[in-house]
Amino acid sequence: MKRYRKIIFVCESGTTRAPMAEAIMKEYTVKYPVEIESRGLVVLFPEPLNQKAEAVLISNGINQEGQMSRQLTPEDLCSEHLIIAMEEAQKQKILEEYEEAAGVDVEVLTELTGDELEIINPYGGKLQTYGLCYETLNKTIRKLVNLINEGNGEV
């Protein structure tokens, strides 16, 4: 896997899956310096992390206090960034709505790691559903970090 300066996780609102993925990935060690951020596809105004997502992160020892959603922008889409969507529909939306996405690595998280199922959207579900989402994200991101660290070091 090529080296990126920034990895940006993307979900619909930028308040649940993408910031959870960002927080989880920051807990792992990547063998080279890389910024890890999250964005939303529809962010009308900055919103804090979903309360249930925050509760699940805290219960797993991760503090994302002050996390606010941010809109994906054309500036986020450059060849030195890896854009990771939570589902195929989001990847397609990025490719269709941002002409800057041409030539940028836009991937679906589970496709990158070779998993068959996309990361479920827990929004509106019970706390258990958010916990399941966390567990799935954690397992998948561990695979992603291993792929990055085993990469051939291309720049």
C-alpha atoms as a PDB file:
ATOM      1  CA  MET A   1       0.000   0.000   0.000  1.00  0.00           C
ATOM      2  CA  LYS A   2       1.281   3.437  -0.931  1.00  0.00           C
ATOM      3  CA  ARG A   3       2.273   5.976   1.735  1.00  0.00           C
ATOM      4  CA  TYR A   4      -0.216   8.751   2.350  1.00  0.00           C
ATOM      5  CA  ARG A   5       0.214  12.037   4.212  1.00  0.00           C
ATOM      6  CA  LYS A   6      -3.385  11.940   5.418  1.00  0.00           C
ATOM      7  CA  ILE A   7      -6.110   9.328   5.839  1.00  0.00           C
ATOM      8  CA  ILE A   8      -9.649  10.710   5.947  1.00  0.00           C
ATOM      9  CA  PHE A   9     -12.560   8.534   7.046  1.00  0.00           C
ATOM     10  CA  VAL A  10     -15.910   9.593   5.579  1.00  0.00           C
ATOM     11  CA  CYS A  11     -19.490   8.825   6.604  1.00  0.00           C
ATOM     12  CA  GLU A  12     -22.806  10.525   5.907  1.00  0.00           C
ATOM     13  CA  SER A  13     -23.053  13.079   8.735  1.00  0.00           C
ATOM     14  CA  GLY A  14     -19.539  12.892  10.142  1.00  0.00           C
ATOM     15  CA  THR A  15     -20.870  12.261  13.655  1.00  0.00           C
ATOM     16  CA  THR A  16     -20.698   8.494  14.120  1.00  0.00           C
ATOM     17  CA  ARG A  17     -18.783   5.951  12.011  1.00  0.00           C
ATOM     18  CA  ALA A  18     -16.063   8.184  10.524  1.00  0.00           C
ATOM     19  CA  PRO A  19     -15.067   9.849  13.830  1.00  0.00           C
ATOM     20  CA  MET A  20     -15.186   6.450  15.553  1.00  0.00           C
ATOM     21  CA  ALA A  21     -12.861   5.081  12.860  1.00  0.00           C
ATOM     22  CA  GLU A  22     -10.580   8.106  13.267  1.00  0.00           C
ATOM     23  CA  ALA A  23     -10.434   7.662  17.054  1.00  0.00           C
ATOM     24  CA  ILE A  24      -9.780   3.930  16.809  1.00  0.00           C
ATOM     25  CA  MET A  25      -7.034   4.314  14.198  1.00  0.00           C
ATOM     26  CA  LYS A  26      -5.279   6.927  16.338  1.00  0.00           C
ATOM     27  CA  GLU A  27      -4.944   4.220  19.022  1.00  0.00           C
ATOM     28  CA  TYR A  28      -2.783   2.110  16.691  1.00  0.00           C
ATOM     29  CA  THR A  29       0.797   2.727  15.608  1.00  0.00           C
ATOM     30  CA  VAL A  30       1.395   3.495  11.962  1.00  0.00           C
ATOM     31  CA  LYS A  31       5.069   3.105  11.016  1.00  0.00           C
ATOM     32  CA  TYR A  32       5.263   6.494   9.316  1.00  0.00           C
ATOM     33  CA  PRO A  33       3.809   9.924  10.103  1.00  0.00           C
ATOM     34  CA  VAL A  34       0.252  10.212   8.816  1.00  0.00           C
ATOM     35  CA  GLU A  35      -2.580  12.533   9.802  1.00  0.00           C
ATOM     36  CA  ILE A  36      -5.864  10.779  10.572  1.00  0.00           C
ATOM     37  CA  GLU A  37      -9.088  12.747  10.282  1.00  0.00           C
ATOM     38  CA  SER A  38     -12.796  12.296   9.590  1.00  0.00           C
ATOM     39  CA  ARG A  39     -15.372  14.097   7.483  1.00  0.00           C
ATOM     40  CA  GLY A  40     -19.055  13.972   6.622  1.00  0.00           C
ATOM     41  CA  LEU A  41     -20.750  14.136   3.243  1.00  0.00           C
ATOM     42  CA  VAL A  42     -23.683  16.208   4.522  1.00  0.00           C
ATOM     43  CA  VAL A  43     -22.562  18.591   7.272  1.00  0.00           C
ATOM     44  CA  LEU A  44     -24.756  21.693   7.318  1.00  0.00           C
ATOM     45  CA  PHE A  45     -23.130  22.909  10.539  1.00  0.00           C
ATOM     46  CA  PRO A  46     -20.556  21.376  12.907  1.00  0.00           C
ATOM     47  CA  GLU A  47     -22.089  18.837  15.270  1.00  0.00           C
ATOM     48  CA  PRO A  48     -20.486  16.970  18.167  1.00  0.00           C
ATOM     49  CA  LEU A  49     -19.821  13.257  18.139  1.00  0.00           C
ATOM     50  CA  ASN A  50     -22.987  11.174  18.515  1.00  0.00           C
ATOM     51  CA  GLN A  51     -23.537  10.614  22.262  1.00  0.00           C
ATOM     52  CA  LYS A  52     -23.851   6.836  21.986  1.00  0.00           C
ATOM     53  CA  ALA A  53     -20.730   6.639  19.799  1.00  0.00           C
ATOM     54  CA  GLU A  54     -18.876   8.760  22.359  1.00  0.00           C
ATOM     55  CA  ALA A  55     -20.095   6.520  25.215  1.00  0.00           C
ATOM     56  CA  VAL A  56     -18.844   3.411  23.400  1.00  0.00           C
ATOM     57  CA  LEU A  57     -15.458   5.022  22.693  1.00  0.00           C
ATOM     58  CA  ILE A  58     -15.099   6.113  26.339  1.00  0.00           C
ATOM     59  CA  SER A  59     -16.023   2.626  27.567  1.00  0.00           C
ATOM     60  CA  ASN A  60     -13.153   1.353  25.396  1.00  0.00           C
ATOM     61  CA  GLY A  61     -10.703   3.881  26.835  1.00  0.00           C
ATOM     62  CA  ILE A  62     -10.796   6.381  23.959  1.00  0.00           C
ATOM     63  CA  ASN A  63     -11.563  10.039  24.617  1.00  0.00           C
ATOM     64  CA  GLN A  64     -12.778  12.078  21.625  1.00  0.00           C
ATOM     65  CA  GLU A  65     -13.871  15.103  23.652  1.00  0.00           C
ATOM     66  CA  GLY A  66     -14.416  18.168  21.502  1.00  0.00           C
ATOM     67  CA  GLN A  67     -14.783  16.166  18.272  1.00  0.00           C
ATOM     68  CA  MET A  68     -16.917  18.121  15.773  1.00  0.00           C
ATOM     69  CA  SER A  69     -18.158  17.024  12.363  1.00  0.00           C
ATOM     70  CA  ARG A  70     -16.564  18.644   9.308  1.00  0.00           C
ATOM     71  CA  GLN A  71     -17.703  18.658   5.689  1.00  0.00           C
ATOM     72  CA  LEU A  72     -15.569  16.854   3.119  1.00  0.00           C
ATOM     73  CA  THR A  73     -14.098  19.597   0.920  1.00  0.00           C
ATOM     74  CA  PRO A  74     -12.392  19.665  -2.482  1.00  0.00           C
ATOM     75  CA  GLU A  75      -9.138  20.480  -0.629  1.00  0.00           C
ATOM     76  CA  ASP A  76      -9.379  17.102   1.141  1.00  0.00           C
ATOM     77  CA  LEU A  77      -9.190  15.349  -2.211  1.00  0.00           C
ATOM     78  CA  CYS A  78      -5.576  15.191  -3.296  1.00  0.00           C
ATOM     79  CA  SER A  79      -3.267  12.411  -4.429  1.00  0.00           C
ATOM     80  CA  GLU A  80      -1.399  12.368  -1.085  1.00  0.00           C
ATOM     81  CA  HIS A  81      -4.602  11.542   0.822  1.00  0.00           C
ATOM     82  CA  LEU A  82      -6.443   8.245   1.180  1.00  0.00           C
ATOM     83  CA  ILE A  83     -10.197   8.788   1.410  1.00  0.00           C
ATOM     84  CA  ILE A  84     -12.002   5.909   3.130  1.00  0.00           C
ATOM     85  CA  ALA A  85     -15.797   5.709   2.945  1.00  0.00           C
ATOM     86  CA  MET A  86     -17.868   3.455   5.180  1.00  0.00           C
ATOM     87  CA  GLU A  87     -20.028   2.144   2.335  1.00  0.00           C
ATOM     88  CA  GLU A  88     -20.064   1.875  -1.452  1.00  0.00           C
ATOM     89  CA  ALA A  89     -22.850   4.462  -1.835  1.00  0.00           C
ATOM     90  CA  GLN A  90     -20.689   7.046  -0.073  1.00  0.00           C
ATOM     91  CA  LYS A  91     -17.702   6.250  -2.277  1.00  0.00           C
ATOM     92  CA  GLN A  92     -19.888   6.709  -5.365  1.00  0.00           C
ATOM     93  CA  LYS A  93     -21.251   9.991  -4.018  1.00  0.00           C
ATOM     94  CA  ILE A  94     -17.709  11.321  -3.537  1.00  0.00           C
ATOM     95  CA  LEU A  95     -16.681  10.252  -7.048  1.00  0.00           C
ATOM     96  CA  GLU A  96     -19.815  11.761  -8.605  1.00  0.00           C
ATOM     97  CA  GLU A  97     -20.046  15.034  -6.665  1.00  0.00           C
ATOM     98  CA  TYR A  98     -16.376  16.028  -6.451  1.00  0.00           C
ATOM     99  CA  GLU A  99     -14.522  16.463  -9.735  1.00  0.00           C
ATOM    100  CA  GLU A 100     -11.360  16.707  -7.584  1.00  0.00           C
ATOM    101  CA  ALA A 101     -11.803  13.003  -6.730  1.00  0.00           C
ATOM    102  CA  ALA A 102     -10.465  11.991 -10.153  1.00  0.00           C
ATOM    103  CA  GLY A 103      -7.066  10.409  -9.574  1.00  0.00           C
ATOM    104  CA  VAL A 104      -7.532  10.297  -5.794  1.00  0.00           C
ATOM    105  CA  ASP A 105      -7.610   7.024  -3.880  1.00  0.00           C
ATOM    106  CA  VAL A 106     -11.218   6.769  -2.680  1.00  0.00           C
ATOM    107  CA  GLU A 107     -11.943   3.376  -1.134  1.00  0.00           C
ATOM    108  CA  VAL A 108     -14.542   1.571   0.962  1.00  0.00           C
ATOM    109  CA  LEU A 109     -13.015   0.519   4.294  1.00  0.00           C
ATOM    110  CA  THR A 110     -14.076  -3.120   4.151  1.00  0.00           C
ATOM    111  CA  GLU A 111     -13.024  -3.482   0.494  1.00  0.00           C
ATOM    112  CA  LEU A 112      -9.537  -2.265   1.427  1.00  0.00           C
ATOM    113  CA  THR A 113      -9.261  -4.906   4.147  1.00  0.00           C
ATOM    114  CA  GLY A 114     -10.889  -7.717   2.179  1.00  0.00           C
ATOM    115  CA  ASP A 115     -13.999  -7.959   4.362  1.00  0.00           C
ATOM    116  CA  GLU A 116     -17.313  -8.771   2.712  1.00  0.00           C
ATOM    117  CA  LEU A 117     -19.745  -6.682   4.743  1.00  0.00           C
ATOM    118  CA  GLU A 118     -19.755  -2.899   5.017  1.00  0.00           C
ATOM    119  CA  ILE A 119     -19.647  -1.206   8.417  1.00  0.00           C
ATOM    120  CA  ILE A 120     -23.247  -0.994   9.655  1.00  0.00           C
ATOM    121  CA  ASN A 121     -24.650   2.428  10.432  1.00  0.00           C
ATOM    122  CA  PRO A 122     -25.744   2.325  14.089  1.00  0.00           C
ATOM    123  CA  TYR A 123     -27.481   5.715  13.929  1.00  0.00           C
ATOM    124  CA  GLY A 124     -30.772   5.627  15.823  1.00  0.00           C
ATOM    125  CA  GLY A 125     -30.052   2.182  17.212  1.00  0.00           C
ATOM    126  CA  LYS A 126     -29.539   0.984  20.761  1.00  0.00           C
ATOM    127  CA  LEU A 127     -26.232   1.395  22.575  1.00  0.00           C
ATOM    128  CA  GLN A 128     -25.540  -2.290  21.808  1.00  0.00           C
ATOM    129  CA  THR A 129     -25.666  -1.510  18.083  1.00  0.00           C
ATOM    130  CA  TYR A 130     -23.041   1.217  18.536  1.00  0.00           C
ATOM    131  CA  GLY A 131     -20.928  -1.259  20.502  1.00  0.00           C
ATOM    132  CA  LEU A 132     -21.172  -3.767  17.663  1.00  0.00           C
ATOM    133  CA  CYS A 133     -20.194  -1.038  15.197  1.00  0.00           C
ATOM    134  CA  TYR A 134     -17.158  -0.220  17.375  1.00  0.00           C
ATOM    135  CA  GLU A 135     -16.095  -3.869  17.544  1.00  0.00           C
ATOM    136  CA  THR A 136     -16.381  -4.243  13.763  1.00  0.00           C
ATOM    137  CA  LEU A 137     -14.523  -0.987  13.129  1.00  0.00           C
ATOM    138  CA  ASN A 138     -11.781  -1.939  15.573  1.00  0.00           C
ATOM    139  CA  LYS A 139     -11.214  -5.307  13.926  1.00  0.00           C
ATOM    140  CA  THR A 140     -11.280  -3.809  10.424  1.00  0.00           C
ATOM    141  CA  ILE A 141      -8.985  -0.896  11.288  1.00  0.00           C
ATOM    142  CA  ARG A 142      -6.498  -3.284  12.884  1.00  0.00           C
ATOM    143  CA  LYS A 143      -6.350  -5.026   9.482  1.00  0.00           C
ATOM    144  CA  LEU A 144      -5.973  -1.646   7.734  1.00  0.00           C
ATOM    145  CA  VAL A 145      -3.059  -0.623   9.980  1.00  0.00           C
ATOM    146  CA  ASN A 146      -1.382  -3.973   9.314  1.00  0.00           C
ATOM    147  CA  LEU A 147      -1.789  -3.433   5.563  1.00  0.00           C
ATOM    148  CA  ILE A 148      -0.317   0.061   5.838  1.00  0.00           C
ATOM    149  CA  ASN A 149       2.598  -1.090   7.996  1.00  0.00           C
ATOM    150  CA  GLU A 150       3.360  -4.029   5.706  1.00  0.00           C
ATOM    151  CA  GLY A 151       3.272  -1.738   2.651  1.00  0.00           C
ATOM    152  CA  ASN A 152       6.316  -1.411   0.486  1.00  0.00           C
ATOM    153  CA  GLY A 153       6.983   2.169   1.536  1.00  0.00           C
ATOM    154  CA  GLU A 154       6.152   3.846  -1.766  1.00  0.00           C
ATOM    155  CA  VAL A 155       5.720   7.578  -1.579  1.00  0.00           C
END
